[in-house]
Amino acid sequence: MTIHNKIKALREGRDWTQAHLASRVNVFVGGQSPVSRQHVFKWEDSTTPSARYLRPLAVIFETTVDALLGDDE
């Protein structure tokens, strides 16, 4: 499973919208380079999140950056 699929599966498993996940990431980045629903859409579709967002995503999803980046296929 790619990081794109993992982000989507983890988000949907919590019944969160893309906008809700974006707002949770924004708590971690403190208003610098705010994340929008469109960012989350791109992460789930084809764009790997930049390094600044990987740690917040891992914390939010209660996993590790390594687990997010690892290809399980």
C-alpha atoms as a PDB file:
ATOM      1  CA  MET A   1       0.000   0.000   0.000  1.00  0.00           C
ATOM      2  CA  THR A   2       1.372   3.404  -0.950  1.00  0.00           C
ATOM      3  CA  ILE A   3       1.409   6.458   1.289  1.00  0.00           C
ATOM      4  CA  HIS A   4      -1.464   7.856  -0.786  1.00  0.00           C
ATOM      5  CA  ASN A   5      -3.636   4.835  -0.052  1.00  0.00           C
ATOM      6  CA  LYS A   6      -2.583   4.792   3.609  1.00  0.00           C
ATOM      7  CA  ILE A   7      -3.539   8.412   4.206  1.00  0.00           C
ATOM      8  CA  LYS A   8      -6.916   7.849   2.585  1.00  0.00           C
ATOM      9  CA  ALA A   9      -7.573   4.598   4.452  1.00  0.00           C
ATOM     10  CA  LEU A  10      -6.541   6.063   7.804  1.00  0.00           C
ATOM     11  CA  ARG A  11      -8.681   9.158   7.251  1.00  0.00           C
ATOM     12  CA  GLU A  12     -11.719   7.197   6.087  1.00  0.00           C
ATOM     13  CA  GLY A  13     -11.286   4.715   8.939  1.00  0.00           C
ATOM     14  CA  ARG A  14     -11.881   7.599  11.308  1.00  0.00           C
ATOM     15  CA  ASP A  15     -14.822   8.923   9.277  1.00  0.00           C
ATOM     16  CA  TRP A  16     -13.027  12.228   8.739  1.00  0.00           C
ATOM     17  CA  THR A  17     -13.481  14.492   5.764  1.00  0.00           C
ATOM     18  CA  GLN A  18     -10.474  15.796   3.890  1.00  0.00           C
ATOM     19  CA  ALA A  19     -11.220  19.218   5.381  1.00  0.00           C
ATOM     20  CA  HIS A  20     -11.186  17.779   8.906  1.00  0.00           C
ATOM     21  CA  LEU A  21      -7.786  16.155   8.369  1.00  0.00           C
ATOM     22  CA  ALA A  22      -6.469  19.427   6.937  1.00  0.00           C
ATOM     23  CA  SER A  23      -7.609  21.305  10.038  1.00  0.00           C
ATOM     24  CA  ARG A  24      -5.905  18.772  12.307  1.00  0.00           C
ATOM     25  CA  VAL A  25      -2.625  19.090  10.394  1.00  0.00           C
ATOM     26  CA  ASN A  26      -2.892  22.878  10.654  1.00  0.00           C
ATOM     27  CA  VAL A  27      -2.815  22.625  14.453  1.00  0.00           C
ATOM     28  CA  PHE A  28       0.698  21.169  14.150  1.00  0.00           C
ATOM     29  CA  VAL A  29       2.108  23.540  11.540  1.00  0.00           C
ATOM     30  CA  GLY A  30       0.895  26.605  13.435  1.00  0.00           C
ATOM     31  CA  GLY A  31      -0.469  28.593  10.520  1.00  0.00           C
ATOM     32  CA  GLN A  32       2.713  28.445   8.470  1.00  0.00           C
ATOM     33  CA  SER A  33       1.975  26.932   5.056  1.00  0.00           C
ATOM     34  CA  PRO A  34      -1.591  26.046   6.002  1.00  0.00           C
ATOM     35  CA  VAL A  35      -3.030  22.816   4.647  1.00  0.00           C
ATOM     36  CA  SER A  36      -6.289  22.842   2.714  1.00  0.00           C
ATOM     37  CA  ARG A  37      -8.683  20.114   1.666  1.00  0.00           C
ATOM     38  CA  GLN A  38      -7.018  20.289  -1.756  1.00  0.00           C
ATOM     39  CA  HIS A  39      -3.665  19.375  -0.177  1.00  0.00           C
ATOM     40  CA  VAL A  40      -5.221  16.286   1.381  1.00  0.00           C
ATOM     41  CA  PHE A  41      -6.856  15.376  -1.934  1.00  0.00           C
ATOM     42  CA  LYS A  42      -3.459  15.578  -3.666  1.00  0.00           C
ATOM     43  CA  TRP A  43      -1.801  13.504  -0.927  1.00  0.00           C
ATOM     44  CA  GLU A  44      -4.433  10.812  -1.400  1.00  0.00           C
ATOM     45  CA  ASP A  45      -4.213  10.981  -5.183  1.00  0.00           C
ATOM     46  CA  SER A  46      -0.606  11.324  -6.297  1.00  0.00           C
ATOM     47  CA  THR A  47       1.552  13.812  -4.388  1.00  0.00           C
ATOM     48  CA  THR A  48       3.635  12.694  -1.424  1.00  0.00           C
ATOM     49  CA  PRO A  49       3.320  15.152   1.473  1.00  0.00           C
ATOM     50  CA  SER A  50       6.397  17.289   2.053  1.00  0.00           C
ATOM     51  CA  ALA A  51       8.629  16.404   4.977  1.00  0.00           C
ATOM     52  CA  ARG A  52       7.110  19.164   7.138  1.00  0.00           C
ATOM     53  CA  TYR A  53       3.745  17.334   7.138  1.00  0.00           C
ATOM     54  CA  LEU A  54       4.888  13.740   7.628  1.00  0.00           C
ATOM     55  CA  ARG A  55       5.431  13.955  11.385  1.00  0.00           C
ATOM     56  CA  PRO A  56       2.082  15.669  12.055  1.00  0.00           C
ATOM     57  CA  LEU A  57       0.319  13.045   9.924  1.00  0.00           C
ATOM     58  CA  ALA A  58       2.044  10.233  11.811  1.00  0.00           C
ATOM     59  CA  VAL A  59       1.050  11.715  15.186  1.00  0.00           C
ATOM     60  CA  ILE A  60      -2.526  12.348  14.068  1.00  0.00           C
ATOM     61  CA  PHE A  61      -2.877   8.778  12.793  1.00  0.00           C
ATOM     62  CA  GLU A  62      -0.998   7.292  15.788  1.00  0.00           C
ATOM     63  CA  THR A  63       1.655   5.663  13.634  1.00  0.00           C
ATOM     64  CA  THR A  64       5.223   6.370  12.561  1.00  0.00           C
ATOM     65  CA  VAL A  65       6.640   8.233   9.603  1.00  0.00           C
ATOM     66  CA  ASP A  66       8.365   4.992   8.576  1.00  0.00           C
ATOM     67  CA  ALA A  67       5.027   3.182   8.573  1.00  0.00           C
ATOM     68  CA  LEU A  68       3.445   5.902   6.426  1.00  0.00           C
ATOM     69  CA  LEU A  69       6.293   5.877   3.929  1.00  0.00           C
ATOM     70  CA  GLY A  70       6.770   2.101   3.793  1.00  0.00           C
ATOM     71  CA  ASP A  71       5.368   0.356   0.735  1.00  0.00           C
ATOM     72  CA  ASP A  72       3.360  -2.640   1.923  1.00  0.00           C
ATOM     73  CA  GLU A  73       2.473  -3.965  -1.532  1.00  0.00           C
END
